[in-house]
Amino acid sequence: MYLTPAHNHRYRWHCADYDLMCNYLSTIDWSNVICYNPEVSQLWETFSAILSMAVNTAVPIAVNNRNRQNTTNACYSRMVRNCVKLCYFKTKVLERTCREAVGFVVATEV
């Protein structure tokens, strides 16, 4: 999509010049945009390009300093993190239960 910066960039929306963006979008002749793009796909592409131009003009982009290639710093969703924690917890409980059971069996046989 047009509003997605490169993987190592991010938009700084809090520093955006919204007045500039508003002025740019108000200069567009929207009736001509609709008239010359009768198909929905054409209209969407044109609208996306116009909006992308407005955003790229008015919103500064920052470069991420972190190396996102490193898998240890990967960002996972909350659901994935919770699943990993749950699996880790269940593994530890199962490990402890097995260890106690084996210890019980060894103690009773000796």
PDB file of N, CA and C in Angstrom:
ATOM      1  N   MET A   1       0.840  -1.180   0.000  1.00  0.00           N
ATOM      2  CA  MET A   1       0.000   0.000   0.000  1.00  0.00           C
ATOM      3  C   MET A   1       0.886   1.244   0.000  1.00  0.00           C
ATOM      4  N   TYR A   2       0.348   2.352  -0.418  1.00  0.00           N
ATOM      5  CA  TYR A   2       1.123   3.570  -0.580  1.00  0.00           C
ATOM      6  C   TYR A   2       1.555   4.195   0.748  1.00  0.00           C
ATOM      7  N   LEU A   3       0.779   4.023   1.805  1.00  0.00           N
ATOM      8  CA  LEU A   3       1.070   4.720   3.053  1.00  0.00           C
ATOM      9  C   LEU A   3       2.026   3.962   3.950  1.00  0.00           C
ATOM     10  N   THR A   4       2.689   2.957   3.458  1.00  0.00           N
ATOM     11  CA  THR A   4       3.633   2.197   4.245  1.00  0.00           C
ATOM     12  C   THR A   4       5.052   2.597   3.845  1.00  0.00           C
ATOM     13  N   PRO A   5       5.820   3.165   4.779  1.00  0.00           N
ATOM     14  CA  PRO A   5       7.205   3.510   4.424  1.00  0.00           C
ATOM     15  C   PRO A   5       8.049   2.247   4.320  1.00  0.00           C
ATOM     16  N   ALA A   6       9.289   2.421   3.928  1.00  0.00           N
ATOM     17  CA  ALA A   6      10.199   1.280   3.819  1.00  0.00           C
ATOM     18  C   ALA A   6      10.308   0.595   5.179  1.00  0.00           C
ATOM     19  N   HIS A   7      10.768  -0.664   5.190  1.00  0.00           N
ATOM     20  CA  HIS A   7      10.786  -1.453   6.422  1.00  0.00           C
ATOM     21  C   HIS A   7      11.647  -0.843   7.519  1.00  0.00           C
ATOM     22  N   ASN A   8      12.621  -0.023   7.177  1.00  0.00           N
ATOM     23  CA  ASN A   8      13.460   0.588   8.202  1.00  0.00           C
ATOM     24  C   ASN A   8      13.107   2.053   8.443  1.00  0.00           C
ATOM     25  N   HIS A   9      11.940   2.475   7.974  1.00  0.00           N
ATOM     26  CA  HIS A   9      11.468   3.838   8.191  1.00  0.00           C
ATOM     27  C   HIS A   9      10.105   3.797   8.865  1.00  0.00           C
ATOM     28  N   ARG A  10       9.777   4.884   9.528  1.00  0.00           N
ATOM     29  CA  ARG A  10       8.438   4.999  10.104  1.00  0.00           C
ATOM     30  C   ARG A  10       8.020   6.460  10.030  1.00  0.00           C
ATOM     31  N   TYR A  11       6.729   6.662   9.894  1.00  0.00           N
ATOM     32  CA  TYR A  11       6.208   8.026   9.841  1.00  0.00           C
ATOM     33  C   TYR A  11       6.185   8.633  11.238  1.00  0.00           C
ATOM     34  N   ARG A  12       6.513   9.907  11.317  1.00  0.00           N
ATOM     35  CA  ARG A  12       6.459  10.649  12.586  1.00  0.00           C
ATOM     36  C   ARG A  12       5.207  11.530  12.548  1.00  0.00           C
ATOM     37  N   TRP A  13       4.039  10.898  12.784  1.00  0.00           N
ATOM     38  CA  TRP A  13       2.762  11.576  12.668  1.00  0.00           C
ATOM     39  C   TRP A  13       2.640  12.738  13.631  1.00  0.00           C
ATOM     40  N   HIS A  14       3.293  12.662  14.781  1.00  0.00           N
ATOM     41  CA  HIS A  14       3.192  13.748  15.753  1.00  0.00           C
ATOM     42  C   HIS A  14       3.915  15.012  15.278  1.00  0.00           C
ATOM     43  N   CYS A  15       4.781  14.895  14.293  1.00  0.00           N
ATOM     44  CA  CYS A  15       5.495  16.048  13.740  1.00  0.00           C
ATOM     45  C   CYS A  15       4.928  16.485  12.388  1.00  0.00           C
ATOM     46  N   ALA A  16       3.816  15.930  11.990  1.00  0.00           N
ATOM     47  CA  ALA A  16       3.254  16.212  10.663  1.00  0.00           C
ATOM     48  C   ALA A  16       2.718  17.639  10.577  1.00  0.00           C
ATOM     49  N   ASP A  17       2.780  18.191   9.376  1.00  0.00           N
ATOM     50  CA  ASP A  17       2.214  19.512   9.093  1.00  0.00           C
ATOM     51  C   ASP A  17       0.827  19.284   8.477  1.00  0.00           C
ATOM     52  N   TYR A  18      -0.164  19.200   9.363  1.00  0.00           N
ATOM     53  CA  TYR A  18      -1.516  18.887   8.911  1.00  0.00           C
ATOM     54  C   TYR A  18      -2.136  20.030   8.114  1.00  0.00           C
ATOM     55  N   ASP A  19      -1.723  21.260   8.376  1.00  0.00           N
ATOM     56  CA  ASP A  19      -2.228  22.388   7.582  1.00  0.00           C
ATOM     57  C   ASP A  19      -1.751  22.268   6.134  1.00  0.00           C
ATOM     58  N   LEU A  20      -0.492  21.908   5.950  1.00  0.00           N
ATOM     59  CA  LEU A  20       0.037  21.711   4.602  1.00  0.00           C
ATOM     60  C   LEU A  20      -0.714  20.592   3.887  1.00  0.00           C
ATOM     61  N   MET A  21      -0.954  19.485   4.603  1.00  0.00           N
ATOM     62  CA  MET A  21      -1.671  18.368   4.008  1.00  0.00           C
ATOM     63  C   MET A  21      -3.098  18.782   3.632  1.00  0.00           C
ATOM     64  N   CYS A  22      -3.754  19.532   4.503  1.00  0.00           N
ATOM     65  CA  CYS A  22      -5.115  19.999   4.243  1.00  0.00           C
ATOM     66  C   CYS A  22      -5.140  20.934   3.034  1.00  0.00           C
ATOM     67  N   ASN A  23      -4.173  21.842   2.954  1.00  0.00           N
ATOM     68  CA  ASN A  23      -4.099  22.766   1.815  1.00  0.00           C
ATOM     69  C   ASN A  23      -3.856  22.010   0.514  1.00  0.00           C
ATOM     70  N   TYR A  24      -2.979  21.012   0.553  1.00  0.00           N
ATOM     71  CA  TYR A  24      -2.703  20.222  -0.643  1.00  0.00           C
ATOM     72  C   TYR A  24      -3.967  19.494  -1.101  1.00  0.00           C
ATOM     73  N   LEU A  25      -4.658  18.854  -0.161  1.00  0.00           N
ATOM     74  CA  LEU A  25      -5.855  18.092  -0.531  1.00  0.00           C
ATOM     75  C   LEU A  25      -7.002  18.993  -0.966  1.00  0.00           C
ATOM     76  N   SER A  26      -7.021  20.232  -0.488  1.00  0.00           N
ATOM     77  CA  SER A  26      -8.091  21.147  -0.902  1.00  0.00           C
ATOM     78  C   SER A  26      -7.865  21.687  -2.314  1.00  0.00           C
ATOM     79  N   THR A  27      -6.640  21.585  -2.834  1.00  0.00           N
ATOM     80  CA  THR A  27      -6.367  22.046  -4.195  1.00  0.00           C
ATOM     81  C   THR A  27      -6.748  21.004  -5.252  1.00  0.00           C
ATOM     82  N   ILE A  28      -7.041  19.792  -4.822  1.00  0.00           N
ATOM     83  CA  ILE A  28      -7.403  18.724  -5.754  1.00  0.00           C
ATOM     84  C   ILE A  28      -8.834  18.940  -6.243  1.00  0.00           C
ATOM     85  N   ASP A  29      -9.022  18.817  -7.538  1.00  0.00           N
ATOM     86  CA  ASP A  29     -10.373  18.896  -8.105  1.00  0.00           C
ATOM     87  C   ASP A  29     -10.970  17.488  -8.059  1.00  0.00           C
ATOM     88  N   TRP A  30     -11.677  17.203  -6.970  1.00  0.00           N
ATOM     89  CA  TRP A  30     -12.171  15.863  -6.715  1.00  0.00           C
ATOM     90  C   TRP A  30     -13.219  15.426  -7.740  1.00  0.00           C
ATOM     91  N   SER A  31     -13.973  16.359  -8.270  1.00  0.00           N
ATOM     92  CA  SER A  31     -14.964  15.966  -9.280  1.00  0.00           C
ATOM     93  C   SER A  31     -14.272  15.462 -10.548  1.00  0.00           C
ATOM     94  N   ASN A  32     -13.145  16.063 -10.916  1.00  0.00           N
ATOM     95  CA  ASN A  32     -12.377  15.560 -12.065  1.00  0.00           C
ATOM     96  C   ASN A  32     -11.748  14.203 -11.763  1.00  0.00           C
ATOM     97  N   VAL A  33     -11.287  14.034 -10.530  1.00  0.00           N
ATOM     98  CA  VAL A  33     -10.707  12.739 -10.149  1.00  0.00           C
ATOM     99  C   VAL A  33     -11.746  11.640 -10.320  1.00  0.00           C
ATOM    100  N   ILE A  34     -12.963  11.908  -9.861  1.00  0.00           N
ATOM    101  CA  ILE A  34     -14.036  10.921  -9.992  1.00  0.00           C
ATOM    102  C   ILE A  34     -14.442  10.751 -11.451  1.00  0.00           C
ATOM    103  N   CYS A  35     -14.512  11.853 -12.186  1.00  0.00           N
ATOM    104  CA  CYS A  35     -14.941  11.815 -13.583  1.00  0.00           C
ATOM    105  C   CYS A  35     -13.976  11.027 -14.467  1.00  0.00           C
ATOM    106  N   TYR A  36     -12.676  11.241 -14.282  1.00  0.00           N
ATOM    107  CA  TYR A  36     -11.680  10.609 -15.143  1.00  0.00           C
ATOM    108  C   TYR A  36     -11.276   9.211 -14.680  1.00  0.00           C
ATOM    109  N   ASN A  37     -11.843   8.735 -13.582  1.00  0.00           N
ATOM    110  CA  ASN A  37     -11.555   7.388 -13.084  1.00  0.00           C
ATOM    111  C   ASN A  37     -12.876   6.669 -12.815  1.00  0.00           C
ATOM    112  N   PRO A  38     -13.557   6.230 -13.871  1.00  0.00           N
ATOM    113  CA  PRO A  38     -14.890   5.663 -13.701  1.00  0.00           C
ATOM    114  C   PRO A  38     -14.907   4.297 -13.012  1.00  0.00           C
ATOM    115  N   GLU A  39     -13.837   3.545 -13.130  1.00  0.00           N
ATOM    116  CA  GLU A  39     -13.786   2.236 -12.486  1.00  0.00           C
ATOM    117  C   GLU A  39     -13.294   2.384 -11.052  1.00  0.00           C
ATOM    118  N   VAL A  40     -13.791   1.527 -10.201  1.00  0.00           N
ATOM    119  CA  VAL A  40     -13.444   1.597  -8.783  1.00  0.00           C
ATOM    120  C   VAL A  40     -11.947   1.403  -8.569  1.00  0.00           C
ATOM    121  N   SER A  41     -11.362   0.460  -9.274  1.00  0.00           N
ATOM    122  CA  SER A  41      -9.929   0.197  -9.096  1.00  0.00           C
ATOM    123  C   SER A  41      -9.089   1.394  -9.537  1.00  0.00           C
ATOM    124  N   GLN A  42      -9.466   2.030 -10.645  1.00  0.00           N
ATOM    125  CA  GLN A  42      -8.752   3.231 -11.096  1.00  0.00           C
ATOM    126  C   GLN A  42      -8.894   4.354 -10.087  1.00  0.00           C
ATOM    127  N   LEU A  43     -10.115   4.550  -9.600  1.00  0.00           N
ATOM    128  CA  LEU A  43     -10.362   5.613  -8.627  1.00  0.00           C
ATOM    129  C   LEU A  43      -9.575   5.367  -7.355  1.00  0.00           C
ATOM    130  N   TRP A  44      -9.535   4.118  -6.899  1.00  0.00           N
ATOM    131  CA  TRP A  44      -8.786   3.800  -5.682  1.00  0.00           C
ATOM    132  C   TRP A  44      -7.297   4.057  -5.875  1.00  0.00           C
ATOM    133  N   GLU A  45      -6.744   3.649  -7.003  1.00  0.00           N
ATOM    134  CA  GLU A  45      -5.317   3.873  -7.278  1.00  0.00           C
ATOM    135  C   GLU A  45      -5.005   5.370  -7.310  1.00  0.00           C
ATOM    136  N   THR A  46      -5.856   6.142  -7.962  1.00  0.00           N
ATOM    137  CA  THR A  46      -5.643   7.596  -8.039  1.00  0.00           C
ATOM    138  C   THR A  46      -5.761   8.225  -6.666  1.00  0.00           C
ATOM    139  N   PHE A  47      -6.801   7.851  -5.924  1.00  0.00           N
ATOM    140  CA  PHE A  47      -6.985   8.395  -4.573  1.00  0.00           C
ATOM    141  C   PHE A  47      -5.805   8.030  -3.675  1.00  0.00           C
ATOM    142  N   SER A  48      -5.344   6.791  -3.755  1.00  0.00           N
ATOM    143  CA  SER A  48      -4.196   6.358  -2.952  1.00  0.00           C
ATOM    144  C   SER A  48      -2.940   7.128  -3.312  1.00  0.00           C
ATOM    145  N   ALA A  49      -2.747   7.377  -4.594  1.00  0.00           N
ATOM    146  CA  ALA A  49      -1.563   8.136  -5.028  1.00  0.00           C
ATOM    147  C   ALA A  49      -1.624   9.580  -4.531  1.00  0.00           C
ATOM    148  N   ILE A  50      -2.805  10.178  -4.586  1.00  0.00           N
ATOM    149  CA  ILE A  50      -2.968  11.563  -4.102  1.00  0.00           C
ATOM    150  C   ILE A  50      -2.717  11.621  -2.602  1.00  0.00           C
ATOM    151  N   LEU A  51      -3.303  10.687  -1.872  1.00  0.00           N
ATOM    152  CA  LEU A  51      -3.132  10.666  -0.427  1.00  0.00           C
ATOM    153  C   LEU A  51      -1.692  10.375  -0.049  1.00  0.00           C
ATOM    154  N   SER A  52      -1.060   9.483  -0.793  1.00  0.00           N
ATOM    155  CA  SER A  52       0.349   9.170  -0.548  1.00  0.00           C
ATOM    156  C   SER A  52       1.228  10.397  -0.772  1.00  0.00           C
ATOM    157  N   MET A  53       0.938  11.147  -1.819  1.00  0.00           N
ATOM    158  CA  MET A  53       1.700  12.367  -2.085  1.00  0.00           C
ATOM    159  C   MET A  53       1.521  13.360  -0.939  1.00  0.00           C
ATOM    160  N   ALA A  54       0.307  13.498  -0.440  1.00  0.00           N
ATOM    161  CA  ALA A  54       0.046  14.413   0.673  1.00  0.00           C
ATOM    162  C   ALA A  54       0.805  13.979   1.921  1.00  0.00           C
ATOM    163  N   VAL A  55       0.769  12.701   2.216  1.00  0.00           N
ATOM    164  CA  VAL A  55       1.461  12.193   3.404  1.00  0.00           C
ATOM    165  C   VAL A  55       2.962  12.331   3.252  1.00  0.00           C
ATOM    166  N   ASN A  56       3.490  11.962   2.109  1.00  0.00           N
ATOM    167  CA  ASN A  56       4.940  12.058   1.904  1.00  0.00           C
ATOM    168  C   ASN A  56       5.439  13.497   1.932  1.00  0.00           C
ATOM    169  N   THR A  57       4.564  14.434   1.586  1.00  0.00           N
ATOM    170  CA  THR A  57       4.946  15.844   1.619  1.00  0.00           C
ATOM    171  C   THR A  57       4.882  16.415   3.023  1.00  0.00           C
ATOM    172  N   ALA A  58       3.881  16.015   3.797  1.00  0.00           N
ATOM    173  CA  ALA A  58       3.617  16.674   5.076  1.00  0.00           C
ATOM    174  C   ALA A  58       4.095  15.914   6.308  1.00  0.00           C
ATOM    175  N   VAL A  59       4.385  14.634   6.177  1.00  0.00           N
ATOM    176  CA  VAL A  59       4.765  13.838   7.350  1.00  0.00           C
ATOM    177  C   VAL A  59       6.229  13.429   7.237  1.00  0.00           C
ATOM    178  N   PRO A  60       7.054  13.835   8.207  1.00  0.00           N
ATOM    179  CA  PRO A  60       8.458  13.430   8.161  1.00  0.00           C
ATOM    180  C   PRO A  60       8.614  11.935   8.449  1.00  0.00           C
ATOM    181  N   ILE A  61       9.695  11.377   7.947  1.00  0.00           N
ATOM    182  CA  ILE A  61       9.987   9.955   8.117  1.00  0.00           C
ATOM    183  C   ILE A  61      11.240   9.825   8.964  1.00  0.00           C
ATOM    184  N   ALA A  62      11.205   8.914   9.935  1.00  0.00           N
ATOM    185  CA  ALA A  62      12.369   8.632  10.770  1.00  0.00           C
ATOM    186  C   ALA A  62      12.923   7.270  10.384  1.00  0.00           C
ATOM    187  N   VAL A  63      14.231   7.135  10.512  1.00  0.00           N
ATOM    188  CA  VAL A  63      14.887   5.869  10.218  1.00  0.00           C
ATOM    189  C   VAL A  63      15.029   5.110  11.526  1.00  0.00           C
ATOM    190  N   ASN A  64      14.612   3.842  11.527  1.00  0.00           N
ATOM    191  CA  ASN A  64      14.787   3.001  12.713  1.00  0.00           C
ATOM    192  C   ASN A  64      16.254   2.664  12.859  1.00  0.00           C
ATOM    193  N   ASN A  65      16.782   2.840  14.052  1.00  0.00           N
ATOM    194  CA  ASN A  65      18.183   2.544  14.296  1.00  0.00           C
ATOM    195  C   ASN A  65      18.420   1.090  14.650  1.00  0.00           C
ATOM    196  N   ARG A  66      17.390   0.408  15.120  1.00  0.00           N
ATOM    197  CA  ARG A  66      17.548  -0.990  15.499  1.00  0.00           C
ATOM    198  C   ARG A  66      17.636  -1.876  14.268  1.00  0.00           C
ATOM    199  N   ASN A  67      18.433  -2.890  14.393  1.00  0.00           N
ATOM    200  CA  ASN A  67      18.574  -3.865  13.318  1.00  0.00           C
ATOM    201  C   ASN A  67      17.429  -4.858  13.418  1.00  0.00           C
ATOM    202  N   ARG A  68      16.446  -4.760  12.535  1.00  0.00           N
ATOM    203  CA  ARG A  68      15.276  -5.634  12.578  1.00  0.00           C
ATOM    204  C   ARG A  68      15.582  -7.013  12.000  1.00  0.00           C
ATOM    205  N   GLN A  69      16.774  -7.198  11.449  1.00  0.00           N
ATOM    206  CA  GLN A  69      17.128  -8.498  10.895  1.00  0.00           C
ATOM    207  C   GLN A  69      17.404  -9.506  12.005  1.00  0.00           C
ATOM    208  N   ASN A  70      17.754  -9.013  13.179  1.00  0.00           N
ATOM    209  CA  ASN A  70      18.074  -9.883  14.293  1.00  0.00           C
ATOM    210  C   ASN A  70      16.786 -10.505  14.827  1.00  0.00           C
ATOM    211  N   THR A  71      16.708 -11.829  14.806  1.00  0.00           N
ATOM    212  CA  THR A  71      15.467 -12.489  15.211  1.00  0.00           C
ATOM    213  C   THR A  71      15.245 -12.424  16.705  1.00  0.00           C
ATOM    214  N   THR A  72      16.281 -12.166  17.502  1.00  0.00           N
ATOM    215  CA  THR A  72      16.075 -12.081  18.950  1.00  0.00           C
ATOM    216  C   THR A  72      15.331 -10.807  19.323  1.00  0.00           C
ATOM    217  N   ASN A  73      15.377  -9.797  18.488  1.00  0.00           N
ATOM    218  CA  ASN A  73      14.656  -8.552  18.746  1.00  0.00           C
ATOM    219  C   ASN A  73      13.344  -8.477  17.970  1.00  0.00           C
ATOM    220  N   ALA A  74      12.897  -9.606  17.434  1.00  0.00           N
ATOM    221  CA  ALA A  74      11.679  -9.589  16.627  1.00  0.00           C
ATOM    222  C   ALA A  74      10.481  -9.203  17.490  1.00  0.00           C
ATOM    223  N   CYS A  75       9.582  -8.478  16.906  1.00  0.00           N
ATOM    224  CA  CYS A  75       8.373  -8.071  17.613  1.00  0.00           C
ATOM    225  C   CYS A  75       7.265  -9.069  17.281  1.00  0.00           C
ATOM    226  N   TYR A  76       6.744  -9.680  18.318  1.00  0.00           N
ATOM    227  CA  TYR A  76       5.666 -10.622  18.149  1.00  0.00           C
ATOM    228  C   TYR A  76       4.396 -10.047  18.759  1.00  0.00           C
ATOM    229  N   SER A  77       3.271 -10.515  18.292  1.00  0.00           N
ATOM    230  CA  SER A  77       2.006 -10.042  18.827  1.00  0.00           C
ATOM    231  C   SER A  77       1.839 -10.538  20.262  1.00  0.00           C
ATOM    232  N   ARG A  78       0.947  -9.894  20.980  1.00  0.00           N
ATOM    233  CA  ARG A  78       0.689 -10.270  22.369  1.00  0.00           C
ATOM    234  C   ARG A  78       0.202 -11.714  22.451  1.00  0.00           C
ATOM    235  N   MET A  79      -0.619 -12.122  21.475  1.00  0.00           N
ATOM    236  CA  MET A  79      -1.143 -13.478  21.482  1.00  0.00           C
ATOM    237  C   MET A  79      -0.008 -14.499  21.359  1.00  0.00           C
ATOM    238  N   VAL A  80       0.952 -14.245  20.496  1.00  0.00           N
ATOM    239  CA  VAL A  80       2.077 -15.165  20.321  1.00  0.00           C
ATOM    240  C   VAL A  80       2.932 -15.192  21.583  1.00  0.00           C
ATOM    241  N   ARG A  81       3.195 -14.025  22.171  1.00  0.00           N
ATOM    242  CA  ARG A  81       3.995 -13.979  23.402  1.00  0.00           C
ATOM    243  C   ARG A  81       3.312 -14.742  24.529  1.00  0.00           C
ATOM    244  N   ASN A  82       1.990 -14.556  24.662  1.00  0.00           N
ATOM    245  CA  ASN A  82       1.259 -15.268  25.712  1.00  0.00           C
ATOM    246  C   ASN A  82       1.268 -16.767  25.471  1.00  0.00           C
ATOM    247  N   CYS A  83       1.179 -17.172  24.222  1.00  0.00           N
ATOM    248  CA  CYS A  83       1.215 -18.595  23.884  1.00  0.00           C
ATOM    249  C   CYS A  83       2.570 -19.195  24.246  1.00  0.00           C
ATOM    250  N   VAL A  84       3.631 -18.479  23.946  1.00  0.00           N
ATOM    251  CA  VAL A  84       4.976 -18.955  24.269  1.00  0.00           C
ATOM    252  C   VAL A  84       5.141 -19.062  25.783  1.00  0.00           C
ATOM    253  N   LYS A  85       4.653 -18.060  26.518  1.00  0.00           N
ATOM    254  CA  LYS A  85       4.738 -18.109  27.986  1.00  0.00           C
ATOM    255  C   LYS A  85       3.967 -19.301  28.529  1.00  0.00           C
ATOM    256  N   LEU A  86       2.768 -19.521  27.991  1.00  0.00           N
ATOM    257  CA  LEU A  86       1.951 -20.633  28.448  1.00  0.00           C
ATOM    258  C   LEU A  86       2.628 -21.963  28.160  1.00  0.00           C
ATOM    259  N   CYS A  87       3.188 -22.108  26.971  1.00  0.00           N
ATOM    260  CA  CYS A  87       3.887 -23.351  26.619  1.00  0.00           C
ATOM    261  C   CYS A  87       5.097 -23.562  27.528  1.00  0.00           C
ATOM    262  N   TYR A  88       5.822 -22.487  27.799  1.00  0.00           N
ATOM    263  CA  TYR A  88       6.989 -22.569  28.687  1.00  0.00           C
ATOM    264  C   TYR A  88       6.542 -22.996  30.081  1.00  0.00           C
ATOM    265  N   PHE A  89       5.473 -22.367  30.590  1.00  0.00           N
ATOM    266  CA  PHE A  89       4.971 -22.693  31.917  1.00  0.00           C
ATOM    267  C   PHE A  89       4.513 -24.143  31.982  1.00  0.00           C
ATOM    268  N   LYS A  90       3.736 -24.584  30.965  1.00  0.00           N
ATOM    269  CA  LYS A  90       3.255 -25.962  30.952  1.00  0.00           C
ATOM    270  C   LYS A  90       4.422 -26.947  30.873  1.00  0.00           C
ATOM    271  N   THR A  91       5.448 -26.609  30.120  1.00  0.00           N
ATOM    272  CA  THR A  91       6.618 -27.476  30.004  1.00  0.00           C
ATOM    273  C   THR A  91       7.317 -27.604  31.350  1.00  0.00           C
ATOM    274  N   LYS A  92       7.456 -26.491  32.057  1.00  0.00           N
ATOM    275  CA  LYS A  92       8.117 -26.510  33.365  1.00  0.00           C
ATOM    276  C   LYS A  92       7.305 -27.311  34.375  1.00  0.00           C
ATOM    277  N   VAL A  93       5.978 -27.152  34.358  1.00  0.00           N
ATOM    278  CA  VAL A  93       5.119 -27.902  35.276  1.00  0.00           C
ATOM    279  C   VAL A  93       5.201 -29.389  34.964  1.00  0.00           C
ATOM    280  N   LEU A  94       5.131 -29.726  33.663  1.00  0.00           N
ATOM    281  CA  LEU A  94       5.221 -31.126  33.262  1.00  0.00           C
ATOM    282  C   LEU A  94       6.581 -31.709  33.627  1.00  0.00           C
ATOM    283  N   GLU A  95       7.631 -30.939  33.431  1.00  0.00           N
ATOM    284  CA  GLU A  95       8.976 -31.387  33.758  1.00  0.00           C
ATOM    285  C   GLU A  95       9.094 -31.670  35.256  1.00  0.00           C
ATOM    286  N   ARG A  96       8.561 -30.751  36.067  1.00  0.00           N
ATOM    287  CA  ARG A  96       8.607 -30.906  37.521  1.00  0.00           C
ATOM    288  C   ARG A  96       7.789 -32.119  37.959  1.00  0.00           C
ATOM    289  N   THR A  97       6.611 -32.301  37.347  1.00  0.00           N
ATOM    290  CA  THR A  97       5.758 -33.435  37.692  1.00  0.00           C
ATOM    291  C   THR A  97       6.435 -34.753  37.342  1.00  0.00           C
ATOM    292  N   CYS A  98       7.049 -34.821  36.181  1.00  0.00           N
ATOM    293  CA  CYS A  98       7.757 -36.036  35.771  1.00  0.00           C
ATOM    294  C   CYS A  98       8.948 -36.311  36.689  1.00  0.00           C
ATOM    295  N   ARG A  99       9.662 -35.262  37.027  1.00  0.00           N
ATOM    296  CA  ARG A  99      10.827 -35.417  37.902  1.00  0.00           C
ATOM    297  C   ARG A  99      10.385 -35.953  39.262  1.00  0.00           C
ATOM    298  N   GLU A 100       9.290 -35.425  39.805  1.00  0.00           N
ATOM    299  CA  GLU A 100       8.773 -35.890  41.085  1.00  0.00           C
ATOM    300  C   GLU A 100       8.297 -37.340  40.980  1.00  0.00           C
ATOM    301  N   ALA A 101       7.647 -37.681  39.865  1.00  0.00           N
ATOM    302  CA  ALA A 101       7.158 -39.046  39.686  1.00  0.00           C
ATOM    303  C   ALA A 101       8.318 -40.026  39.582  1.00  0.00           C
ATOM    304  N   VAL A 102       9.333 -39.664  38.827  1.00  0.00           N
ATOM    305  CA  VAL A 102      10.505 -40.525  38.692  1.00  0.00           C
ATOM    306  C   VAL A 102      11.209 -40.645  40.029  1.00  0.00           C
ATOM    307  N   GLY A 103      11.321 -39.529  40.745  1.00  0.00           N
ATOM    308  CA  GLY A 103      11.943 -39.561  42.075  1.00  0.00           C
ATOM    309  C   GLY A 103      11.160 -40.437  43.032  1.00  0.00           C
ATOM    310  N   PHE A 104       9.834 -40.387  42.953  1.00  0.00           N
ATOM    311  CA  PHE A 104       8.982 -41.206  43.810  1.00  0.00           C
ATOM    312  C   PHE A 104       9.174 -42.675  43.508  1.00  0.00           C
ATOM    313  N   VAL A 105       9.213 -43.021  42.194  1.00  0.00           N
ATOM    314  CA  VAL A 105       9.377 -44.415  41.776  1.00  0.00           C
ATOM    315  C   VAL A 105      10.750 -44.919  42.213  1.00  0.00           C
ATOM    316  N   VAL A 106      11.792 -44.129  42.029  1.00  0.00           N
ATOM    317  CA  VAL A 106      13.149 -44.538  42.410  1.00  0.00           C
ATOM    318  C   VAL A 106      13.218 -44.699  43.920  1.00  0.00           C
ATOM    319  N   ALA A 107      12.606 -43.805  44.679  1.00  0.00           N
ATOM    320  CA  ALA A 107      12.669 -43.886  46.143  1.00  0.00           C
ATOM    321  C   ALA A 107      11.911 -45.108  46.658  1.00  0.00           C
ATOM    322  N   THR A 108      10.799 -45.474  46.035  1.00  0.00           N
ATOM    323  CA  THR A 108      10.027 -46.610  46.505  1.00  0.00           C
ATOM    324  C   THR A 108      10.690 -47.941  46.129  1.00  0.00           C
ATOM    325  N   GLU A 109      11.456 -47.957  45.041  1.00  0.00           N
ATOM    326  CA  GLU A 109      12.100 -49.196  44.614  1.00  0.00           C
ATOM    327  C   GLU A 109      13.368 -49.449  45.401  1.00  0.00           C
ATOM    328  N   VAL A 110      13.985 -48.429  45.958  1.00  0.00           N
ATOM    329  CA  VAL A 110      15.252 -48.610  46.664  1.00  0.00           C
ATOM    330  C   VAL A 110      15.031 -49.062  48.056  1.00  0.00           C
TER     331      VAL A 110
END
